[in-house]
Amino acid sequence: MVNDKVVGWGLVALSIVGILFYAVGLFAPDLIMEGFDWLLVKVTVFIAVAAVLGILGWIGYTLATTPPPKPIEEIEKELEEELKRLEKELEKQQEGGQGGQQQ
């Protein structure tokens, strides 16, 4: 398996190369291709806008497909019913334990 440090240093090197390529493409575009700076700006802006709109779409999809939560009143009713059931079980256990002790 590859060591995490090797992967980490590889990512650092890749980032530096990417930064240098971006800087040359933006500030000295004629070294690569004529009009490369505008292409680079267009691609960068497109990626940024697509990322923001993609996140916005994901939030909208999540809101549209997630069922609404139960109302508080319904949850309180369920909790009260469960509490009553548990109290009845506890009473039954206490009655059963007292009957066995008296004999």
N, C-alpha and C. Protein backbone atom coordinates (compact mmCIF):
# COMPACT_ATOMS: atom_id res chain seq x y z
N MET A 1 0.83 -1.18 0.00
CA MET A 1 0.00 0.00 0.00
C MET A 1 0.88 1.25 0.00
N VAL A 2 0.34 2.30 -0.51
CA VAL A 2 1.08 3.55 -0.61
C VAL A 2 1.00 4.28 0.72
N ASN A 3 2.12 4.81 1.15
CA ASN A 3 2.21 5.56 2.39
C ASN A 3 1.46 6.88 2.26
N ASP A 4 0.77 7.31 3.33
CA ASP A 4 0.03 8.57 3.31
C ASP A 4 0.94 9.77 3.07
N LYS A 5 2.15 9.71 3.57
CA LYS A 5 3.08 10.84 3.36
C LYS A 5 3.44 10.98 1.88
N VAL A 6 3.61 9.85 1.20
CA VAL A 6 3.93 9.89 -0.23
C VAL A 6 2.77 10.52 -1.00
N VAL A 7 1.56 10.12 -0.66
CA VAL A 7 0.38 10.69 -1.32
C VAL A 7 0.29 12.18 -1.01
N GLY A 8 0.53 12.54 0.24
CA GLY A 8 0.47 13.95 0.64
C GLY A 8 1.47 14.81 -0.12
N TRP A 9 2.73 14.35 -0.19
CA TRP A 9 3.75 15.13 -0.92
C TRP A 9 3.46 15.15 -2.41
N GLY A 10 2.86 14.07 -2.93
CA GLY A 10 2.47 14.06 -4.33
C GLY A 10 1.39 15.11 -4.61
N LEU A 11 0.43 15.24 -3.70
CA LEU A 11 -0.61 16.26 -3.85
C LEU A 11 -0.03 17.67 -3.76
N VAL A 12 0.96 17.86 -2.87
CA VAL A 12 1.61 19.17 -2.77
C VAL A 12 2.31 19.51 -4.09
N ALA A 13 3.06 18.56 -4.64
CA ALA A 13 3.76 18.78 -5.90
C ALA A 13 2.79 19.05 -7.04
N LEU A 14 1.71 18.27 -7.10
CA LEU A 14 0.70 18.47 -8.14
C LEU A 14 0.05 19.85 -8.02
N SER A 15 -0.19 20.29 -6.80
CA SER A 15 -0.77 21.62 -6.58
C SER A 15 0.17 22.72 -7.05
N ILE A 16 1.45 22.58 -6.75
CA ILE A 16 2.43 23.60 -7.17
C ILE A 16 2.51 23.66 -8.70
N VAL A 17 2.54 22.50 -9.35
CA VAL A 17 2.57 22.47 -10.81
C VAL A 17 1.30 23.10 -11.37
N GLY A 18 0.16 22.81 -10.78
CA GLY A 18 -1.10 23.40 -11.22
C GLY A 18 -1.13 24.90 -11.06
N ILE A 19 -0.62 25.39 -9.94
CA ILE A 19 -0.56 26.83 -9.70
C ILE A 19 0.35 27.51 -10.73
N LEU A 20 1.51 26.91 -10.98
CA LEU A 20 2.44 27.48 -11.96
C LEU A 20 1.82 27.49 -13.35
N PHE A 21 1.17 26.40 -13.75
CA PHE A 21 0.53 26.34 -15.06
C PHE A 21 -0.57 27.39 -15.17
N TYR A 22 -1.36 27.54 -14.11
CA TYR A 22 -2.44 28.52 -14.12
C TYR A 22 -1.87 29.94 -14.22
N ALA A 23 -0.80 30.21 -13.47
CA ALA A 23 -0.19 31.54 -13.50
C ALA A 23 0.37 31.85 -14.89
N VAL A 24 1.07 30.90 -15.48
CA VAL A 24 1.61 31.12 -16.83
C VAL A 24 0.48 31.29 -17.83
N GLY A 25 -0.55 30.47 -17.71
CA GLY A 25 -1.68 30.56 -18.62
C GLY A 25 -2.44 31.87 -18.50
N LEU A 26 -2.46 32.42 -17.31
CA LEU A 26 -3.22 33.65 -17.10
C LEU A 26 -2.40 34.90 -17.40
N PHE A 27 -1.10 34.89 -17.05
CA PHE A 27 -0.29 36.10 -17.18
C PHE A 27 0.68 36.09 -18.36
N ALA A 28 0.94 34.91 -18.91
CA ALA A 28 1.78 34.82 -20.11
C ALA A 28 1.16 33.80 -21.07
N PRO A 29 -0.06 34.07 -21.53
CA PRO A 29 -0.80 33.07 -22.30
C PRO A 29 -0.17 32.76 -23.66
N ASP A 30 0.60 33.68 -24.21
CA ASP A 30 1.17 33.45 -25.54
C ASP A 30 2.23 32.34 -25.52
N LEU A 31 2.76 32.00 -24.34
CA LEU A 31 3.70 30.89 -24.25
C LEU A 31 2.99 29.55 -24.51
N ILE A 32 1.70 29.51 -24.26
CA ILE A 32 0.95 28.26 -24.46
C ILE A 32 0.17 28.30 -25.77
N MET A 33 -0.68 29.31 -25.90
CA MET A 33 -1.54 29.41 -27.07
C MET A 33 -2.16 30.81 -27.08
N GLU A 34 -2.40 31.34 -28.26
CA GLU A 34 -3.00 32.67 -28.35
C GLU A 34 -4.44 32.62 -27.83
N GLY A 35 -4.77 33.55 -26.96
CA GLY A 35 -6.11 33.61 -26.39
C GLY A 35 -6.34 32.61 -25.27
N PHE A 36 -5.27 31.99 -24.79
CA PHE A 36 -5.41 30.98 -23.73
C PHE A 36 -5.89 31.59 -22.42
N ASP A 37 -5.53 32.87 -22.17
CA ASP A 37 -5.93 33.50 -20.92
C ASP A 37 -7.45 33.60 -20.81
N TRP A 38 -8.11 33.97 -21.91
CA TRP A 38 -9.58 34.07 -21.87
C TRP A 38 -10.22 32.70 -21.73
N LEU A 39 -9.65 31.72 -22.37
CA LEU A 39 -10.16 30.36 -22.22
C LEU A 39 -10.03 29.91 -20.77
N LEU A 40 -8.90 30.20 -20.15
CA LEU A 40 -8.67 29.83 -18.76
C LEU A 40 -9.65 30.53 -17.83
N VAL A 41 -9.89 31.83 -18.08
CA VAL A 41 -10.84 32.57 -17.26
C VAL A 41 -12.24 32.01 -17.46
N LYS A 42 -12.62 31.72 -18.68
CA LYS A 42 -13.95 31.17 -18.96
C LYS A 42 -14.15 29.83 -18.27
N VAL A 43 -13.15 28.96 -18.35
CA VAL A 43 -13.26 27.64 -17.72
C VAL A 43 -13.36 27.79 -16.21
N THR A 44 -12.55 28.68 -15.63
CA THR A 44 -12.57 28.89 -14.19
C THR A 44 -13.92 29.43 -13.73
N VAL A 45 -14.44 30.41 -14.42
CA VAL A 45 -15.73 30.98 -14.04
C VAL A 45 -16.84 29.94 -14.21
N PHE A 46 -16.77 29.17 -15.30
CA PHE A 46 -17.78 28.14 -15.50
C PHE A 46 -17.77 27.12 -14.37
N ILE A 47 -16.59 26.67 -13.97
CA ILE A 47 -16.50 25.68 -12.89
C ILE A 47 -17.04 26.26 -11.59
N ALA A 48 -16.72 27.52 -11.30
CA ALA A 48 -17.21 28.14 -10.07
C ALA A 48 -18.74 28.27 -10.08
N VAL A 49 -19.29 28.76 -11.18
CA VAL A 49 -20.74 28.93 -11.29
C VAL A 49 -21.43 27.57 -11.26
N ALA A 50 -20.89 26.59 -11.97
CA ALA A 50 -21.49 25.26 -11.98
C ALA A 50 -21.47 24.63 -10.59
N ALA A 51 -20.39 24.85 -9.83
CA ALA A 51 -20.32 24.31 -8.47
C ALA A 51 -21.38 24.95 -7.57
N VAL A 52 -21.51 26.27 -7.63
CA VAL A 52 -22.50 26.96 -6.79
C VAL A 52 -23.91 26.53 -7.17
N LEU A 53 -24.22 26.50 -8.47
CA LEU A 53 -25.56 26.11 -8.91
C LEU A 53 -25.83 24.62 -8.66
N GLY A 54 -24.79 23.81 -8.75
CA GLY A 54 -24.94 22.39 -8.42
C GLY A 54 -25.29 22.18 -6.96
N ILE A 55 -24.62 22.91 -6.08
CA ILE A 55 -24.93 22.83 -4.65
C ILE A 55 -26.34 23.33 -4.39
N LEU A 56 -26.72 24.42 -5.03
CA LEU A 56 -28.07 24.96 -4.89
C LEU A 56 -29.11 23.94 -5.37
N GLY A 57 -28.85 23.28 -6.49
CA GLY A 57 -29.75 22.25 -6.99
C GLY A 57 -29.85 21.06 -6.05
N TRP A 58 -28.72 20.67 -5.46
CA TRP A 58 -28.70 19.57 -4.51
C TRP A 58 -29.54 19.91 -3.28
N ILE A 59 -29.42 21.13 -2.79
CA ILE A 59 -30.24 21.56 -1.65
C ILE A 59 -31.72 21.53 -2.02
N GLY A 60 -32.05 22.03 -3.21
CA GLY A 60 -33.44 22.00 -3.66
C GLY A 60 -33.97 20.59 -3.79
N TYR A 61 -33.18 19.70 -4.35
CA TYR A 61 -33.60 18.30 -4.50
C TYR A 61 -33.84 17.67 -3.13
N THR A 62 -32.93 17.94 -2.19
CA THR A 62 -33.07 17.39 -0.85
C THR A 62 -34.34 17.91 -0.18
N LEU A 63 -34.61 19.21 -0.32
CA LEU A 63 -35.83 19.77 0.25
C LEU A 63 -37.08 19.17 -0.40
N ALA A 64 -37.03 18.95 -1.70
CA ALA A 64 -38.20 18.45 -2.43
C ALA A 64 -38.48 16.98 -2.14
N THR A 65 -37.46 16.18 -1.85
CA THR A 65 -37.66 14.73 -1.70
C THR A 65 -37.67 14.26 -0.26
N THR A 66 -37.35 15.11 0.70
CA THR A 66 -37.35 14.71 2.11
C THR A 66 -38.75 14.89 2.67
N PRO A 67 -39.29 13.85 3.31
CA PRO A 67 -40.64 14.00 3.87
C PRO A 67 -40.61 14.99 5.04
N PRO A 68 -41.72 15.69 5.25
CA PRO A 68 -41.75 16.65 6.36
C PRO A 68 -41.71 15.92 7.70
N PRO A 69 -41.19 16.56 8.73
CA PRO A 69 -41.13 15.91 10.05
C PRO A 69 -42.52 15.82 10.66
N LYS A 70 -42.67 14.90 11.62
CA LYS A 70 -43.95 14.76 12.32
C LYS A 70 -44.20 16.02 13.14
N PRO A 71 -45.47 16.39 13.28
CA PRO A 71 -45.78 17.52 14.16
C PRO A 71 -45.44 17.19 15.61
N ILE A 72 -45.11 18.19 16.37
CA ILE A 72 -44.74 18.02 17.78
C ILE A 72 -45.88 17.35 18.55
N GLU A 73 -47.12 17.73 18.26
CA GLU A 73 -48.27 17.17 18.97
C GLU A 73 -48.33 15.66 18.80
N GLU A 74 -48.05 15.17 17.59
CA GLU A 74 -48.09 13.73 17.33
C GLU A 74 -46.98 13.01 18.10
N ILE A 75 -45.80 13.61 18.15
CA ILE A 75 -44.69 13.01 18.88
C ILE A 75 -45.00 12.97 20.37
N GLU A 76 -45.58 14.07 20.90
CA GLU A 76 -45.94 14.10 22.32
C GLU A 76 -46.98 13.03 22.65
N LYS A 77 -47.95 12.84 21.75
CA LYS A 77 -48.98 11.82 21.97
C LYS A 77 -48.36 10.44 22.01
N GLU A 78 -47.44 10.15 21.08
CA GLU A 78 -46.77 8.84 21.07
C GLU A 78 -45.96 8.63 22.34
N LEU A 79 -45.28 9.67 22.80
CA LEU A 79 -44.49 9.55 24.02
C LEU A 79 -45.38 9.31 25.24
N GLU A 80 -46.51 10.00 25.31
CA GLU A 80 -47.44 9.79 26.43
C GLU A 80 -47.98 8.37 26.43
N GLU A 81 -48.34 7.84 25.26
CA GLU A 81 -48.83 6.47 25.17
C GLU A 81 -47.77 5.47 25.61
N GLU A 82 -46.54 5.70 25.18
CA GLU A 82 -45.43 4.81 25.55
C GLU A 82 -45.17 4.89 27.06
N LEU A 83 -45.25 6.08 27.63
CA LEU A 83 -45.04 6.25 29.06
C LEU A 83 -46.13 5.52 29.85
N LYS A 84 -47.38 5.64 29.43
CA LYS A 84 -48.48 4.93 30.09
C LYS A 84 -48.28 3.42 30.01
N ARG A 85 -47.85 2.93 28.86
CA ARG A 85 -47.61 1.50 28.70
C ARG A 85 -46.50 1.02 29.63
N LEU A 86 -45.44 1.80 29.73
CA LEU A 86 -44.33 1.42 30.61
C LEU A 86 -44.75 1.46 32.08
N GLU A 87 -45.58 2.44 32.46
CA GLU A 87 -46.07 2.51 33.84
C GLU A 87 -46.92 1.30 34.17
N LYS A 88 -47.76 0.85 33.24
CA LYS A 88 -48.59 -0.33 33.48
C LYS A 88 -47.71 -1.57 33.64
N GLU A 89 -46.68 -1.70 32.81
CA GLU A 89 -45.78 -2.84 32.93
C GLU A 89 -45.05 -2.82 34.27
N LEU A 90 -44.64 -1.65 34.70
CA LEU A 90 -43.95 -1.52 35.99
C LEU A 90 -44.88 -1.89 37.14
N GLU A 91 -46.14 -1.46 37.07
CA GLU A 91 -47.12 -1.81 38.10
C GLU A 91 -47.33 -3.32 38.16
N LYS A 92 -47.41 -3.97 36.99
CA LYS A 92 -47.60 -5.41 36.94
C LYS A 92 -46.41 -6.13 37.57
N GLN A 93 -45.19 -5.64 37.27
CA GLN A 93 -44.00 -6.26 37.83
C GLN A 93 -43.95 -6.08 39.34
N GLN A 94 -44.35 -4.92 39.83
CA GLN A 94 -44.34 -4.66 41.27
C GLN A 94 -45.39 -5.52 41.97
N GLU A 95 -46.57 -5.69 41.37
CA GLU A 95 -47.62 -6.54 41.95
C GLU A 95 -47.16 -7.99 42.00
N GLY A 96 -46.51 -8.45 40.95
CA GLY A 96 -46.01 -9.82 40.90
C GLY A 96 -44.92 -10.04 41.92
N GLY A 97 -44.07 -9.06 42.15
CA GLY A 97 -42.99 -9.18 43.14
C GLY A 97 -43.51 -9.15 44.56
N GLN A 98 -44.55 -8.38 44.85
CA GLN A 98 -45.11 -8.29 46.20
C GLN A 98 -45.87 -9.55 46.56
N GLY A 99 -46.55 -10.13 45.60
CA GLY A 99 -47.30 -11.37 45.86
C GLY A 99 -46.37 -12.49 46.23
N GLY A 100 -45.23 -12.59 45.61
CA GLY A 100 -44.27 -13.65 45.91
C GLY A 100 -43.60 -13.45 47.25
N GLN A 101 -43.47 -12.22 47.74
CA GLN A 101 -42.81 -11.94 49.01
C GLN A 101 -43.72 -12.25 50.19
N GLN A 102 -45.03 -12.12 50.03
CA GLN A 102 -45.95 -12.31 51.13
C GLN A 102 -46.14 -13.79 51.47
N GLN A 103 -45.90 -14.70 50.60
CA GLN A 103 -46.10 -16.12 50.87
C GLN A 103 -45.11 -16.65 51.78
